[in-house]
Amino acid sequence: MFVLENFVVALAKVIDIVLTIYMWLIIFRAVISWVNADPYNKIVIFLYRVTEPVLRPCAAYCRRKISALIFRRLS
């Protein structure tokens, strides 16, 4: 049982580190979008490729909710 407990704690720490790094990548992408960086820069390309799979569904969901809210207010 002790080994399993240590394994779960170690796995939780690894997941925490990965999610923290991913959070910082999303923050850096937001900052880069504010300063209008060169889209052909290798760092910018890397940030877009790494964060786009998560941000694309979130953006689509937000667009659907906002458009539904706008059309509901218009009618």
C-alpha atoms as a PDB file:
ATOM      1  CA  MET A   1       0.000   0.000   0.000  1.00  0.00           C
ATOM      2  CA  PHE A   2       2.917   2.314   0.763  1.00  0.00           C
ATOM      3  CA  VAL A   3       4.295   1.939  -2.772  1.00  0.00           C
ATOM      4  CA  LEU A   4       0.920   2.700  -4.341  1.00  0.00           C
ATOM      5  CA  GLU A   5       0.518   5.789  -2.156  1.00  0.00           C
ATOM      6  CA  ASN A   6       3.939   7.106  -3.195  1.00  0.00           C
ATOM      7  CA  PHE A   7       3.157   6.384  -6.836  1.00  0.00           C
ATOM      8  CA  VAL A   8      -0.100   8.350  -6.664  1.00  0.00           C
ATOM      9  CA  VAL A   9       1.624  11.283  -4.945  1.00  0.00           C
ATOM     10  CA  ALA A  10       4.409  11.298  -7.536  1.00  0.00           C
ATOM     11  CA  LEU A  11       1.902  11.115 -10.383  1.00  0.00           C
ATOM     12  CA  ALA A  12      -0.050  14.011  -8.894  1.00  0.00           C
ATOM     13  CA  LYS A  13       3.119  16.105  -8.677  1.00  0.00           C
ATOM     14  CA  VAL A  14       4.041  15.348 -12.286  1.00  0.00           C
ATOM     15  CA  ILE A  15       0.542  16.307 -13.466  1.00  0.00           C
ATOM     16  CA  ASP A  16       0.758  19.499 -11.399  1.00  0.00           C
ATOM     17  CA  ILE A  17       4.076  20.452 -13.002  1.00  0.00           C
ATOM     18  CA  VAL A  18       2.816  19.723 -16.520  1.00  0.00           C
ATOM     19  CA  LEU A  19      -0.353  21.764 -16.000  1.00  0.00           C
ATOM     20  CA  THR A  20       1.633  24.652 -14.499  1.00  0.00           C
ATOM     21  CA  ILE A  21       3.967  24.721 -17.493  1.00  0.00           C
ATOM     22  CA  TYR A  22       0.967  24.608 -19.839  1.00  0.00           C
ATOM     23  CA  MET A  23      -0.653  27.488 -17.946  1.00  0.00           C
ATOM     24  CA  TRP A  24       2.471  29.591 -18.425  1.00  0.00           C
ATOM     25  CA  LEU A  25       2.551  28.733 -22.136  1.00  0.00           C
ATOM     26  CA  ILE A  26      -1.027  30.023 -22.474  1.00  0.00           C
ATOM     27  CA  ILE A  27      -0.086  33.201 -20.586  1.00  0.00           C
ATOM     28  CA  PHE A  28       2.915  33.740 -22.873  1.00  0.00           C
ATOM     29  CA  ARG A  29       0.687  33.223 -25.895  1.00  0.00           C
ATOM     30  CA  ALA A  30      -1.701  35.886 -24.612  1.00  0.00           C
ATOM     31  CA  VAL A  31       1.164  38.331 -24.062  1.00  0.00           C
ATOM     32  CA  ILE A  32       2.534  37.639 -27.534  1.00  0.00           C
ATOM     33  CA  SER A  33      -0.882  38.292 -29.046  1.00  0.00           C
ATOM     34  CA  TRP A  34      -0.988  41.691 -27.322  1.00  0.00           C
ATOM     35  CA  VAL A  35       2.403  42.805 -28.668  1.00  0.00           C
ATOM     36  CA  ASN A  36       1.742  41.540 -32.211  1.00  0.00           C
ATOM     37  CA  ALA A  37       4.839  39.369 -32.533  1.00  0.00           C
ATOM     38  CA  ASP A  38       6.230  38.058 -35.808  1.00  0.00           C
ATOM     39  CA  PRO A  39       4.104  35.012 -36.776  1.00  0.00           C
ATOM     40  CA  TYR A  40       7.123  33.345 -38.433  1.00  0.00           C
ATOM     41  CA  ASN A  41       9.203  33.365 -35.246  1.00  0.00           C
ATOM     42  CA  LYS A  42       9.941  29.814 -34.075  1.00  0.00           C
ATOM     43  CA  ILE A  43       8.870  30.567 -30.499  1.00  0.00           C
ATOM     44  CA  VAL A  44       5.550  32.008 -31.657  1.00  0.00           C
ATOM     45  CA  ILE A  45       4.938  29.025 -33.934  1.00  0.00           C
ATOM     46  CA  PHE A  46       5.730  26.654 -31.053  1.00  0.00           C
ATOM     47  CA  LEU A  47       3.358  28.464 -28.682  1.00  0.00           C
ATOM     48  CA  TYR A  48       0.525  28.390 -31.213  1.00  0.00           C
ATOM     49  CA  ARG A  49       1.024  24.699 -32.012  1.00  0.00           C
ATOM     50  CA  VAL A  50       1.157  23.677 -28.362  1.00  0.00           C
ATOM     51  CA  THR A  51      -1.763  25.762 -27.081  1.00  0.00           C
ATOM     52  CA  GLU A  52      -4.129  25.671 -30.065  1.00  0.00           C
ATOM     53  CA  PRO A  53      -5.561  22.162 -29.435  1.00  0.00           C
ATOM     54  CA  VAL A  54      -6.897  23.329 -26.060  1.00  0.00           C
ATOM     55  CA  LEU A  55      -7.855  26.885 -26.963  1.00  0.00           C
ATOM     56  CA  ARG A  56      -9.736  26.101 -30.191  1.00  0.00           C
ATOM     57  CA  PRO A  57     -12.603  24.168 -28.503  1.00  0.00           C
ATOM     58  CA  CYS A  58     -12.773  26.796 -25.747  1.00  0.00           C
ATOM     59  CA  ALA A  59     -13.040  29.587 -28.312  1.00  0.00           C
ATOM     60  CA  ALA A  60     -15.734  27.729 -30.263  1.00  0.00           C
ATOM     61  CA  TYR A  61     -17.725  27.169 -27.069  1.00  0.00           C
ATOM     62  CA  CYS A  62     -17.454  30.854 -26.119  1.00  0.00           C
ATOM     63  CA  ARG A  63     -18.507  31.954 -29.605  1.00  0.00           C
ATOM     64  CA  ARG A  64     -21.610  29.753 -29.454  1.00  0.00           C
ATOM     65  CA  LYS A  65     -22.604  31.056 -26.041  1.00  0.00           C
ATOM     66  CA  ILE A  66     -22.012  34.708 -26.953  1.00  0.00           C
ATOM     67  CA  SER A  67     -23.879  34.447 -30.243  1.00  0.00           C
ATOM     68  CA  ALA A  68     -26.788  32.715 -28.498  1.00  0.00           C
ATOM     69  CA  LEU A  69     -26.834  35.510 -25.934  1.00  0.00           C
ATOM     70  CA  ILE A  70     -26.806  38.207 -28.638  1.00  0.00           C
ATOM     71  CA  PHE A  71     -29.623  36.602 -30.635  1.00  0.00           C
ATOM     72  CA  ARG A  72     -31.675  36.067 -27.500  1.00  0.00           C
ATOM     73  CA  ARG A  73     -31.396  39.783 -26.669  1.00  0.00           C
ATOM     74  CA  LEU A  74     -32.331  40.828 -30.207  1.00  0.00           C
ATOM     75  CA  SER A  75     -35.578  38.877 -30.351  1.00  0.00           C
END
